[in-house]
Amino acid sequence: MIRKVIHINEEQCIGCGLCVSVCYGGAIGIVEGKARLLKEDYCDGIGNCLPSCPTAAITFEEREAAPYDEAAAKKNMESREHKKKLPNFRAKSPARRQASSPAREQDMSGHLNQWPVQIKLVPVNAPYFANANLLIAADCSAYACGNFHNAFMRNRITLVGCPKLDGVDYSEKLTEILAGNAISSVTVVRMEVPCCGGLEQAVKDALKRSGKMLPKQVVILTIKGYVLGGL
C-alpha cells in the first residue's frame, strides 16, 4: 500500500539515537553509527521522531510500504522494556577490564570546540565565532542527556548558562555576540523546567535586537534526557 513513512538521510544523521528513544513502535535503530528504519510496519507515520533530530535528517516520504501493525509494534516495545529490566550478571575478568581500558579512555573524548563555555565568561568577538553554528544550552542539559556531545555539541560552538543560578539576563551579551559575528545558526537546548524559559527568551530577544534572521532550533529535554519537543 502507498502510505507515509519516515525517511532518514544518513549523510545528515550523526547517530545520536534521540529518534530511537522517542519512536513509539521501535521502528528505528542505530546501525553502524547511523539511524535506520528497521521495520517499516512498526512506523506509524505520525513522525514523533522528526522534532527530536538535531540535524533535521528525518523527513516523511510517501511510498509503497507494509501497513502499520500497531499490535506488533506494541509487542516489540514491551519486549524492549522487559529486556531493559533484566539484571546483567556478566562479570569482566581483570584481564578483560585492563584490555578494555583504552577503549573507555577513547570514549571519553568529546566535541568541545572552544574555551570558556560559560556565557558570562566567553569573549564577544572570539575568532571561533566566525561562521559558527552556535549551541546555547542550559547547564543541566548535558547531565540529563547522556549523548549530549554527539547529539548537540558536534560541529558547534557551545555556550552554557543558567538564568536562575546566575541571576542575570543573558540577552545583552548574546546580542553582542550575534550582532558582531557571522553566526550561521543557533540551536537552543533547554530543560522542561520553567526556569529554563529564561534562557530561551534571552536568545529570542538577542536575535530580535541583533537584527539578524538566522536559522533557529529549540530542543526541550525532560529530566530523563528524552526530547519533549522542538521548534
C-alpha atoms as a PDB file:
ATOM      1  CA  MET A   1       0.000   0.000   0.000  1.00  0.00           C
ATOM      2  CA  ILE A   2       1.042   3.610  -0.544  1.00  0.00           C
ATOM      3  CA  ARG A   3       1.431   5.397   2.769  1.00  0.00           C
ATOM      4  CA  LYS A   4       3.548   7.921   4.650  1.00  0.00           C
ATOM      5  CA  VAL A   5       6.674   6.639   6.434  1.00  0.00           C
ATOM      6  CA  ILE A   6       9.853   8.301   7.628  1.00  0.00           C
ATOM      7  CA  HIS A   7      12.988   8.703   5.530  1.00  0.00           C
ATOM      8  CA  ILE A   8      16.419   9.106   7.154  1.00  0.00           C
ATOM      9  CA  ASN A   9      19.190  10.992   5.365  1.00  0.00           C
ATOM     10  CA  GLU A  10      22.274   9.079   6.526  1.00  0.00           C
ATOM     11  CA  GLU A  11      24.628  11.861   5.413  1.00  0.00           C
ATOM     12  CA  GLN A  12      22.945  14.268   7.826  1.00  0.00           C
ATOM     13  CA  CYS A  13      22.473  11.709  10.616  1.00  0.00           C
ATOM     14  CA  ILE A  14      25.009  11.930  13.465  1.00  0.00           C
ATOM     15  CA  GLY A  15      23.896   8.743  15.189  1.00  0.00           C
ATOM     16  CA  CYS A  16      22.791  10.467  18.388  1.00  0.00           C
ATOM     17  CA  GLY A  17      19.970   7.976  18.978  1.00  0.00           C
ATOM     18  CA  LEU A  18      17.403  10.557  20.070  1.00  0.00           C
ATOM     19  CA  CYS A  19      14.986   9.366  17.399  1.00  0.00           C
ATOM     20  CA  VAL A  20      15.284   5.807  18.699  1.00  0.00           C
ATOM     21  CA  SER A  21      14.339   6.900  22.204  1.00  0.00           C
ATOM     22  CA  VAL A  22      11.108   8.630  21.098  1.00  0.00           C
ATOM     23  CA  CYS A  23       9.898   6.137  18.476  1.00  0.00           C
ATOM     24  CA  TYR A  24       6.677   4.629  19.844  1.00  0.00           C
ATOM     25  CA  GLY A  25       6.904   1.428  17.833  1.00  0.00           C
ATOM     26  CA  GLY A  26      10.632   0.747  17.922  1.00  0.00           C
ATOM     27  CA  ALA A  27      10.862   1.120  14.149  1.00  0.00           C
ATOM     28  CA  ILE A  28      14.231   2.905  14.280  1.00  0.00           C
ATOM     29  CA  GLY A  29      17.607   1.541  15.349  1.00  0.00           C
ATOM     30  CA  ILE A  30      21.259   2.556  15.193  1.00  0.00           C
ATOM     31  CA  VAL A  31      23.231   0.533  12.648  1.00  0.00           C
ATOM     32  CA  GLU A  32      26.927   1.217  12.092  1.00  0.00           C
ATOM     33  CA  GLY A  33      26.585   4.592  13.794  1.00  0.00           C
ATOM     34  CA  LYS A  34      23.578   5.772  11.768  1.00  0.00           C
ATOM     35  CA  ALA A  35      19.837   5.760  12.429  1.00  0.00           C
ATOM     36  CA  ARG A  36      17.892   3.439  10.148  1.00  0.00           C
ATOM     37  CA  LEU A  37      14.274   2.452   9.645  1.00  0.00           C
ATOM     38  CA  LEU A  38      14.449  -1.206  10.650  1.00  0.00           C
ATOM     39  CA  LYS A  39      10.788  -2.209  10.356  1.00  0.00           C
ATOM     40  CA  GLU A  40       8.506  -0.062   8.215  1.00  0.00           C
ATOM     41  CA  ASP A  41       5.418  -1.854   9.590  1.00  0.00           C
ATOM     42  CA  TYR A  42       6.385  -0.501  13.055  1.00  0.00           C
ATOM     43  CA  CYS A  43       6.377   3.096  11.736  1.00  0.00           C
ATOM     44  CA  ASP A  44       3.026   4.755  12.436  1.00  0.00           C
ATOM     45  CA  GLY A  45       3.673   7.656  10.059  1.00  0.00           C
ATOM     46  CA  ILE A  46       2.970  10.239  12.772  1.00  0.00           C
ATOM     47  CA  GLY A  47       6.578  11.391  12.990  1.00  0.00           C
ATOM     48  CA  ASN A  48       7.239  11.793  16.701  1.00  0.00           C
ATOM     49  CA  CYS A  49      10.905  11.346  15.793  1.00  0.00           C
ATOM     50  CA  LEU A  50      11.096  14.373  13.465  1.00  0.00           C
ATOM     51  CA  PRO A  51      11.414  17.165  16.072  1.00  0.00           C
ATOM     52  CA  SER A  52      13.890  15.081  18.096  1.00  0.00           C
ATOM     53  CA  CYS A  53      16.502  15.079  15.323  1.00  0.00           C
ATOM     54  CA  PRO A  54      19.064  17.865  15.897  1.00  0.00           C
ATOM     55  CA  THR A  55      20.245  17.778  12.259  1.00  0.00           C
ATOM     56  CA  ALA A  56      16.831  17.519  10.537  1.00  0.00           C
ATOM     57  CA  ALA A  57      17.910  14.224   8.970  1.00  0.00           C
ATOM     58  CA  ILE A  58      14.400  12.730   9.243  1.00  0.00           C
ATOM     59  CA  THR A  59      11.602  13.601   6.843  1.00  0.00           C
ATOM     60  CA  PHE A  60       8.413  11.987   5.547  1.00  0.00           C
ATOM     61  CA  GLU A  61       8.024  10.210   2.229  1.00  0.00           C
ATOM     62  CA  GLU A  62       5.014   8.571   0.590  1.00  0.00           C
ATOM     63  CA  ARG A  63       5.849   5.220  -0.975  1.00  0.00           C
ATOM     64  CA  GLU A  64       4.901   1.585  -1.194  1.00  0.00           C
ATOM     65  CA  ALA A  65       5.257   0.225   2.345  1.00  0.00           C
ATOM     66  CA  ALA A  66       3.899  -2.503   4.564  1.00  0.00           C
ATOM     67  CA  PRO A  67       0.837  -1.347   6.526  1.00  0.00           C
ATOM     68  CA  TYR A  68       1.361  -0.167  10.086  1.00  0.00           C
ATOM     69  CA  ASP A  69       0.998  -3.104  12.504  1.00  0.00           C
ATOM     70  CA  GLU A  70       0.073  -1.469  15.799  1.00  0.00           C
ATOM     71  CA  ALA A  71      -0.167  -4.741  17.732  1.00  0.00           C
ATOM     72  CA  ALA A  72       3.272  -5.938  16.576  1.00  0.00           C
ATOM     73  CA  ALA A  73       4.838  -2.537  17.289  1.00  0.00           C
ATOM     74  CA  LYS A  74       3.386  -2.513  20.795  1.00  0.00           C
ATOM     75  CA  LYS A  75       4.617  -6.045  21.444  1.00  0.00           C
ATOM     76  CA  ASN A  76       8.073  -5.065  20.190  1.00  0.00           C
ATOM     77  CA  MET A  77       8.263  -2.118  22.598  1.00  0.00           C
ATOM     78  CA  GLU A  78       7.053  -4.235  25.517  1.00  0.00           C
ATOM     79  CA  SER A  79       9.791  -6.754  24.729  1.00  0.00           C
ATOM     80  CA  ARG A  80      12.403  -3.978  24.680  1.00  0.00           C
ATOM     81  CA  GLU A  81      11.253  -2.615  28.026  1.00  0.00           C
ATOM     82  CA  HIS A  82      11.356  -6.100  29.548  1.00  0.00           C
ATOM     83  CA  LYS A  83      14.936  -6.632  28.374  1.00  0.00           C
ATOM     84  CA  LYS A  84      15.976  -3.306  29.935  1.00  0.00           C
ATOM     85  CA  LYS A  85      14.750  -4.531  33.330  1.00  0.00           C
ATOM     86  CA  LEU A  86      16.642  -7.842  33.234  1.00  0.00           C
ATOM     87  CA  PRO A  87      19.720  -7.926  35.509  1.00  0.00           C
ATOM     88  CA  ASN A  88      23.118  -8.259  33.909  1.00  0.00           C
ATOM     89  CA  PHE A  89      25.092 -10.987  35.672  1.00  0.00           C
ATOM     90  CA  ARG A  90      28.105 -10.909  33.379  1.00  0.00           C
ATOM     91  CA  ALA A  91      31.346 -10.050  35.133  1.00  0.00           C
ATOM     92  CA  LYS A  92      34.550  -8.983  33.458  1.00  0.00           C
ATOM     93  CA  SER A  93      37.795 -10.615  34.420  1.00  0.00           C
ATOM     94  CA  PRO A  94      40.689  -8.338  35.459  1.00  0.00           C
ATOM     95  CA  ALA A  95      42.431  -9.107  32.163  1.00  0.00           C
ATOM     96  CA  ARG A  96      39.362  -8.100  30.185  1.00  0.00           C
ATOM     97  CA  ARG A  97      38.920  -4.913  32.211  1.00  0.00           C
ATOM     98  CA  GLN A  98      42.530  -3.993  31.554  1.00  0.00           C
ATOM     99  CA  ALA A  99      42.185  -4.691  27.841  1.00  0.00           C
ATOM    100  CA  SER A 100      39.070  -2.538  27.590  1.00  0.00           C
ATOM    101  CA  SER A 101      40.569   0.458  29.394  1.00  0.00           C
ATOM    102  CA  PRO A 102      41.982   2.173  26.255  1.00  0.00           C
ATOM    103  CA  ALA A 103      38.559   1.982  24.604  1.00  0.00           C
ATOM    104  CA  ARG A 104      36.932   3.560  27.622  1.00  0.00           C
ATOM    105  CA  GLU A 105      39.523   6.332  27.609  1.00  0.00           C
ATOM    106  CA  GLN A 106      38.857   6.939  23.923  1.00  0.00           C
ATOM    107  CA  ASP A 107      35.102   7.062  24.547  1.00  0.00           C
ATOM    108  CA  MET A 108      35.638   9.933  26.995  1.00  0.00           C
ATOM    109  CA  SER A 109      36.761  12.282  24.235  1.00  0.00           C
ATOM    110  CA  GLY A 110      34.167  14.925  23.459  1.00  0.00           C
ATOM    111  CA  HIS A 111      33.230  17.628  20.992  1.00  0.00           C
ATOM    112  CA  LEU A 112      34.016  20.797  22.896  1.00  0.00           C
ATOM    113  CA  ASN A 113      35.498  23.166  20.316  1.00  0.00           C
ATOM    114  CA  GLN A 114      36.413  26.190  22.426  1.00  0.00           C
ATOM    115  CA  TRP A 115      37.010  27.527  25.938  1.00  0.00           C
ATOM    116  CA  PRO A 116      35.487  29.082  28.001  1.00  0.00           C
ATOM    117  CA  VAL A 117      31.895  27.932  27.597  1.00  0.00           C
ATOM    118  CA  GLN A 118      30.012  29.950  30.222  1.00  0.00           C
ATOM    119  CA  ILE A 119      28.004  32.766  28.657  1.00  0.00           C
ATOM    120  CA  LYS A 120      29.223  35.149  31.361  1.00  0.00           C
ATOM    121  CA  LEU A 121      32.883  34.382  30.617  1.00  0.00           C
ATOM    122  CA  VAL A 122      33.062  33.991  26.845  1.00  0.00           C
ATOM    123  CA  PRO A 123      34.504  36.963  24.891  1.00  0.00           C
ATOM    124  CA  VAL A 124      32.045  38.542  22.459  1.00  0.00           C
ATOM    125  CA  ASN A 125      34.415  38.703  19.482  1.00  0.00           C
ATOM    126  CA  ALA A 126      36.334  35.421  19.703  1.00  0.00           C
ATOM    127  CA  PRO A 127      37.681  34.076  16.371  1.00  0.00           C
ATOM    128  CA  TYR A 128      35.820  30.782  16.777  1.00  0.00           C
ATOM    129  CA  PHE A 129      32.514  32.619  16.301  1.00  0.00           C
ATOM    130  CA  ALA A 130      33.291  33.143  12.595  1.00  0.00           C
ATOM    131  CA  ASN A 131      30.641  31.233  10.591  1.00  0.00           C
ATOM    132  CA  ALA A 132      29.827  29.233  13.720  1.00  0.00           C
ATOM    133  CA  ASN A 133      26.817  27.057  14.344  1.00  0.00           C
ATOM    134  CA  LEU A 134      26.026  28.221  17.852  1.00  0.00           C
ATOM    135  CA  LEU A 135      24.717  25.981  20.609  1.00  0.00           C
ATOM    136  CA  ILE A 136      23.242  27.791  23.615  1.00  0.00           C
ATOM    137  CA  ALA A 137      22.474  25.224  26.296  1.00  0.00           C
ATOM    138  CA  ALA A 138      21.167  25.111  29.837  1.00  0.00           C
ATOM    139  CA  ASP A 139      23.778  23.954  32.356  1.00  0.00           C
ATOM    140  CA  CYS A 140      21.730  20.912  33.372  1.00  0.00           C
ATOM    141  CA  SER A 141      21.022  19.647  29.856  1.00  0.00           C
ATOM    142  CA  ALA A 142      24.384  17.919  29.441  1.00  0.00           C
ATOM    143  CA  TYR A 143      23.754  15.982  32.662  1.00  0.00           C
ATOM    144  CA  ALA A 144      20.269  14.905  31.599  1.00  0.00           C
ATOM    145  CA  CYS A 145      21.253  13.738  28.108  1.00  0.00           C
ATOM    146  CA  GLY A 146      23.916  11.028  28.144  1.00  0.00           C
ATOM    147  CA  ASN A 147      24.773  11.552  24.481  1.00  0.00           C
ATOM    148  CA  PHE A 148      24.872  15.337  24.658  1.00  0.00           C
ATOM    149  CA  HIS A 149      28.271  15.749  22.964  1.00  0.00           C
ATOM    150  CA  ASN A 150      27.351  13.679  19.906  1.00  0.00           C
ATOM    151  CA  ALA A 151      23.786  14.885  19.694  1.00  0.00           C
ATOM    152  CA  PHE A 152      24.310  18.608  20.108  1.00  0.00           C
ATOM    153  CA  MET A 153      27.930  19.773  20.515  1.00  0.00           C
ATOM    154  CA  ARG A 154      29.469  18.175  17.430  1.00  0.00           C
ATOM    155  CA  ASN A 155      30.500  20.872  14.922  1.00  0.00           C
ATOM    156  CA  ARG A 156      29.057  23.616  17.111  1.00  0.00           C
ATOM    157  CA  ILE A 157      30.402  26.359  19.369  1.00  0.00           C
ATOM    158  CA  THR A 158      28.917  25.761  22.805  1.00  0.00           C
ATOM    159  CA  LEU A 159      27.712  28.385  25.277  1.00  0.00           C
ATOM    160  CA  VAL A 160      26.104  27.328  28.561  1.00  0.00           C
ATOM    161  CA  GLY A 161      24.283  29.141  31.318  1.00  0.00           C
ATOM    162  CA  CYS A 162      21.540  29.038  33.931  1.00  0.00           C
ATOM    163  CA  PRO A 163      19.394  32.173  34.303  1.00  0.00           C
ATOM    164  CA  LYS A 164      18.187  31.107  37.733  1.00  0.00           C
ATOM    165  CA  LEU A 165      21.647  30.311  39.098  1.00  0.00           C
ATOM    166  CA  ASP A 166      23.443  33.284  37.550  1.00  0.00           C
ATOM    167  CA  GLY A 167      20.580  35.672  38.202  1.00  0.00           C
ATOM    168  CA  VAL A 168      21.291  37.649  35.032  1.00  0.00           C
ATOM    169  CA  ASP A 169      19.632  38.409  31.709  1.00  0.00           C
ATOM    170  CA  TYR A 170      21.877  36.942  29.006  1.00  0.00           C
ATOM    171  CA  SER A 171      20.153  38.781  26.171  1.00  0.00           C
ATOM    172  CA  GLU A 172      22.515  41.783  26.170  1.00  0.00           C
ATOM    173  CA  LYS A 173      25.686  39.722  25.805  1.00  0.00           C
ATOM    174  CA  LEU A 174      24.096  37.322  23.332  1.00  0.00           C
ATOM    175  CA  THR A 175      23.007  40.318  21.263  1.00  0.00           C
ATOM    176  CA  GLU A 176      26.638  41.466  21.094  1.00  0.00           C
ATOM    177  CA  ILE A 177      27.780  38.016  20.013  1.00  0.00           C
ATOM    178  CA  LEU A 178      25.108  37.680  17.332  1.00  0.00           C
ATOM    179  CA  ALA A 179      25.461  41.214  16.031  1.00  0.00           C
ATOM    180  CA  GLY A 180      29.259  41.254  15.982  1.00  0.00           C
ATOM    181  CA  ASN A 181      29.961  37.891  14.384  1.00  0.00           C
ATOM    182  CA  ALA A 182      28.981  35.925  11.281  1.00  0.00           C
ATOM    183  CA  ILE A 183      26.908  33.288  13.081  1.00  0.00           C
ATOM    184  CA  SER A 184      25.444  30.615  10.773  1.00  0.00           C
ATOM    185  CA  SER A 185      22.732  29.141  13.002  1.00  0.00           C
ATOM    186  CA  VAL A 186      21.509  28.999  16.597  1.00  0.00           C
ATOM    187  CA  THR A 187      20.367  25.903  18.481  1.00  0.00           C
ATOM    188  CA  VAL A 188      18.922  26.224  21.974  1.00  0.00           C
ATOM    189  CA  VAL A 189      18.851  23.162  24.247  1.00  0.00           C
ATOM    190  CA  ARG A 190      16.912  23.651  27.464  1.00  0.00           C
ATOM    191  CA  MET A 191      15.265  21.565  30.143  1.00  0.00           C
ATOM    192  CA  GLU A 192      11.492  21.230  30.528  1.00  0.00           C
ATOM    193  CA  VAL A 193      11.579  23.121  33.855  1.00  0.00           C
ATOM    194  CA  PRO A 194      10.113  26.661  33.848  1.00  0.00           C
ATOM    195  CA  CYS A 195      13.319  28.444  34.837  1.00  0.00           C
ATOM    196  CA  CYS A 196      14.919  27.363  31.556  1.00  0.00           C
ATOM    197  CA  GLY A 197      12.381  29.509  29.758  1.00  0.00           C
ATOM    198  CA  GLY A 198      14.555  32.486  30.637  1.00  0.00           C
ATOM    199  CA  LEU A 199      17.375  31.110  28.510  1.00  0.00           C
ATOM    200  CA  GLU A 200      15.135  30.568  25.515  1.00  0.00           C
ATOM    201  CA  GLN A 201      13.623  34.051  25.899  1.00  0.00           C
ATOM    202  CA  ALA A 202      17.087  35.623  26.121  1.00  0.00           C
ATOM    203  CA  VAL A 203      18.017  34.040  22.794  1.00  0.00           C
ATOM    204  CA  LYS A 204      14.772  35.225  21.177  1.00  0.00           C
ATOM    205  CA  ASP A 205      15.377  38.766  22.450  1.00  0.00           C
ATOM    206  CA  ALA A 206      19.009  38.715  21.292  1.00  0.00           C
ATOM    207  CA  LEU A 207      18.063  37.573  17.796  1.00  0.00           C
ATOM    208  CA  LYS A 208      15.498  40.349  17.550  1.00  0.00           C
ATOM    209  CA  ARG A 209      17.867  43.037  18.830  1.00  0.00           C
ATOM    210  CA  SER A 210      20.720  41.882  16.580  1.00  0.00           C
ATOM    211  CA  GLY A 211      18.528  42.392  13.526  1.00  0.00           C
ATOM    212  CA  LYS A 212      19.609  39.067  12.047  1.00  0.00           C
ATOM    213  CA  MET A 213      17.367  36.370  10.611  1.00  0.00           C
ATOM    214  CA  LEU A 214      19.208  33.170  11.487  1.00  0.00           C
ATOM    215  CA  PRO A 215      18.108  29.519  11.331  1.00  0.00           C
ATOM    216  CA  LYS A 216      16.992  28.679  14.878  1.00  0.00           C
ATOM    217  CA  GLN A 217      16.025  25.474  16.636  1.00  0.00           C
ATOM    218  CA  VAL A 218      14.817  24.926  20.210  1.00  0.00           C
ATOM    219  CA  VAL A 219      15.138  21.463  21.764  1.00  0.00           C
ATOM    220  CA  ILE A 220      13.417  20.750  25.083  1.00  0.00           C
ATOM    221  CA  LEU A 221      14.677  17.854  27.222  1.00  0.00           C
ATOM    222  CA  THR A 222      12.937  16.024  30.050  1.00  0.00           C
ATOM    223  CA  ILE A 223      14.847  15.303  33.259  1.00  0.00           C
ATOM    224  CA  LYS A 224      15.334  11.765  31.915  1.00  0.00           C
ATOM    225  CA  GLY A 225      17.062  13.100  28.828  1.00  0.00           C
ATOM    226  CA  TYR A 226      14.264  12.483  26.334  1.00  0.00           C
ATOM    227  CA  VAL A 227      13.290  15.092  23.767  1.00  0.00           C
ATOM    228  CA  LEU A 228       9.980  16.587  24.846  1.00  0.00           C
ATOM    229  CA  GLY A 229       9.672  18.940  21.907  1.00  0.00           C
ATOM    230  CA  GLY A 230      11.491  21.087  19.431  1.00  0.00           C
ATOM    231  CA  LEU A 231      10.669  24.035  17.238  1.00  0.00           C
END
